[in-house]
C-alpha atoms as a PDB file:
ATOM      1  CA  UNK A   1     148.882  91.543 109.462  1.00  0.00           C
ATOM      2  CA  UNK A   2     151.634  90.832 111.952  1.00  0.00           C
ATOM      3  CA  UNK A   3     149.058  90.697 114.747  1.00  0.00           C
ATOM      4  CA  UNK A   4     146.367  88.671 112.977  1.00  0.00           C
ATOM      5  CA  UNK A   5     148.515  86.414 110.786  1.00  0.00           C
ATOM      6  CA  UNK A   6     152.073  86.335 112.124  1.00  0.00           C
ATOM      7  CA  UNK A   7     152.679  83.019 110.381  1.00  0.00           C
ATOM      8  CA  UNK A   8     152.304  84.799 107.022  1.00  0.00           C
ATOM      9  CA  UNK A   9     154.833  87.513 107.861  1.00  0.00           C
ATOM     10  CA  UNK A  10     158.480  87.379 106.944  1.00  0.00           C
ATOM     11  CA  UNK A  11     160.071  90.257 108.857  1.00  0.00           C
ATOM     12  CA  UNK A  12     163.456  89.507 107.332  1.00  0.00           C
ATOM     13  CA  UNK A  13     161.978  90.554 103.966  1.00  0.00           C
ATOM     14  CA  UNK A  14     160.329  93.747 105.257  1.00  0.00           C
ATOM     15  CA  UNK A  15     161.111  96.966 103.438  1.00  0.00           C
ATOM     16  CA  UNK A  16     160.603 100.643 104.082  1.00  0.00           C
ATOM     17  CA  UNK A  17     158.714 102.660 101.461  1.00  0.00           C
ATOM     18  CA  UNK A  18     158.015 106.133 102.771  1.00  0.00           C
ATOM     19  CA  UNK A  19     157.398 108.738 100.053  1.00  0.00           C
ATOM     20  CA  UNK A  20     159.774 111.607 100.677  1.00  0.00           C
ATOM     21  CA  UNK A  21     158.481 114.202  98.246  1.00  0.00           C
ATOM     22  CA  UNK A  22     154.863 114.753  99.267  1.00  0.00           C
ATOM     23  CA  UNK A  23     153.629 118.326  99.797  1.00  0.00           C
ATOM     24  CA  UNK A  24     153.084 119.304 103.432  1.00  0.00           C
ATOM     25  CA  UNK A  25     149.593 119.621 104.909  1.00  0.00           C
ATOM     26  CA  UNK A  26     147.842 117.804 102.081  1.00  0.00           C
ATOM     27  CA  UNK A  27     145.938 114.547 102.312  1.00  0.00           C
ATOM     28  CA  UNK A  28     146.800 112.865  99.041  1.00  0.00           C
ATOM     29  CA  UNK A  29     145.338 109.662  97.674  1.00  0.00           C
ATOM     30  CA  UNK A  30     147.365 107.747  95.170  1.00  0.00           C
ATOM     31  CA  UNK A  31     147.627 104.495  93.311  1.00  0.00           C
ATOM     32  CA  UNK A  32     150.240 102.502  95.231  1.00  0.00           C
ATOM     33  CA  UNK A  33     151.847 101.423  91.964  1.00  0.00           C
ATOM     34  CA  UNK A  34     152.767 105.082  91.389  1.00  0.00           C
ATOM     35  CA  UNK A  35     155.048 105.158  94.415  1.00  0.00           C
ATOM     36  CA  UNK A  36     156.052 101.606  95.255  1.00  0.00           C
ATOM     37  CA  UNK A  37     156.571  98.245  93.635  1.00  0.00           C
ATOM     38  CA  UNK A  38     156.111  96.377  96.928  1.00  0.00           C
ATOM     39  CA  UNK A  39     152.391  97.024  97.475  1.00  0.00           C
ATOM     40  CA  UNK A  40     153.061  98.903 100.695  1.00  0.00           C
ATOM     41  CA  UNK A  41     153.820 102.301 102.061  1.00  0.00           C
ATOM     42  CA  UNK A  42     155.337 102.940 105.412  1.00  0.00           C
ATOM     43  CA  UNK A  43     158.171 101.266 107.235  1.00  0.00           C
ATOM     44  CA  UNK A  44     157.363  97.576 107.598  1.00  0.00           C
ATOM     45  CA  UNK A  45     160.740  97.019 109.241  1.00  0.00           C
ATOM     46  CA  UNK A  46     159.267  98.614 112.383  1.00  0.00           C
ATOM     47  CA  UNK A  47     156.161  96.420 112.480  1.00  0.00           C
ATOM     48  CA  UNK A  48     155.347  94.467 115.627  1.00  0.00           C
ATOM     49  CA  UNK A  49     152.457  92.337 116.756  1.00  0.00           C
ATOM     50  CA  UNK A  50     151.706  94.854 119.526  1.00  0.00           C
ATOM     51  CA  UNK A  51     151.488  97.755 117.044  1.00  0.00           C
ATOM     52  CA  UNK A  52     149.270  95.603 114.845  1.00  0.00           C
ATOM     53  CA  UNK A  53     147.012  94.809 117.792  1.00  0.00           C
ATOM     54  CA  UNK A  54     146.602  98.520 118.594  1.00  0.00           C
ATOM     55  CA  UNK A  55     145.903  99.348 114.946  1.00  0.00           C
ATOM     56  CA  UNK A  56     143.379  96.510 114.715  1.00  0.00           C
ATOM     57  CA  UNK A  57     141.553  97.662 117.864  1.00  0.00           C
ATOM     58  CA  UNK A  58     141.365 101.288 116.685  1.00  0.00           C
ATOM     59  CA  UNK A  59     140.126 100.323 113.210  1.00  0.00           C
ATOM     60  CA  UNK A  60     137.526  97.904 114.591  1.00  0.00           C
ATOM     61  CA  UNK A  61     136.249 100.571 116.999  1.00  0.00           C
ATOM     62  CA  UNK A  62     136.002 103.145 114.195  1.00  0.00           C
ATOM     63  CA  UNK A  63     134.167 100.742 111.893  1.00  0.00           C
ATOM     64  CA  UNK A  64     131.816  99.629 114.680  1.00  0.00           C
ATOM     65  CA  UNK A  65     130.946 103.244 115.493  1.00  0.00           C
ATOM     66  CA  UNK A  66     130.374 104.059 111.806  1.00  0.00           C
ATOM     67  CA  UNK A  67     128.110 101.030 111.311  1.00  0.00           C
ATOM     68  CA  UNK A  68     126.176 101.762 114.529  1.00  0.00           C
ATOM     69  CA  UNK A  69     125.714 105.371 113.415  1.00  0.00           C
ATOM     70  CA  UNK A  70     124.393 104.279 110.022  1.00  0.00           C
ATOM     71  CA  UNK A  71     122.170 101.584 111.565  1.00  0.00           C
ATOM     72  CA  UNK A  72     120.573 104.195 113.846  1.00  0.00           C
ATOM     73  CA  UNK A  73     119.631 106.144 110.710  1.00  0.00           C
ATOM     74  CA  UNK A  74     118.562 103.110 108.668  1.00  0.00           C
ATOM     75  CA  UNK A  75     121.625 103.750 106.479  1.00  0.00           C
ATOM     76  CA  UNK A  76     120.156 107.042 105.326  1.00  0.00           C
ATOM     77  CA  UNK A  77     123.123 109.394 105.288  1.00  0.00           C
ATOM     78  CA  UNK A  78     121.572 112.021 103.041  1.00  0.00           C
ATOM     79  CA  UNK A  79     121.028 115.441 104.486  1.00  0.00           C
ATOM     80  CA  UNK A  80     117.658 117.152 104.497  1.00  0.00           C
ATOM     81  CA  UNK A  81     119.382 120.542 104.488  1.00  0.00           C
ATOM     82  CA  UNK A  82     120.465 120.763 100.845  1.00  0.00           C
ATOM     83  CA  UNK A  83     121.837 123.914  99.273  1.00  0.00           C
ATOM     84  CA  UNK A  84     119.324 123.465  96.454  1.00  0.00           C
ATOM     85  CA  UNK A  85     116.391 123.655  98.881  1.00  0.00           C
ATOM     86  CA  UNK A  86     117.806 126.871 100.314  1.00  0.00           C
ATOM     87  CA  UNK A  87     117.895 128.423  96.855  1.00  0.00           C
ATOM     88  CA  UNK A  88     114.210 127.742  96.174  1.00  0.00           C
END
């Protein structure tokens, strides 16, 4: 956001919402409203345009690679090696 739309950012209002009671080594998904009333997680007080640019570049590269991969397979991501076929 800071990189793409700096005019919409108000760094003086940034907060830090980092959950401090998550179990180690687990990738948890949660409803943001369960842990924050700001609509964010992380420490927005440390945001910079440069960090945003790096994040944007990495995410765009990942999405481009995923779309290219799916395009090469005509968006068919099903496997032909199903467990059910092995049982037959």
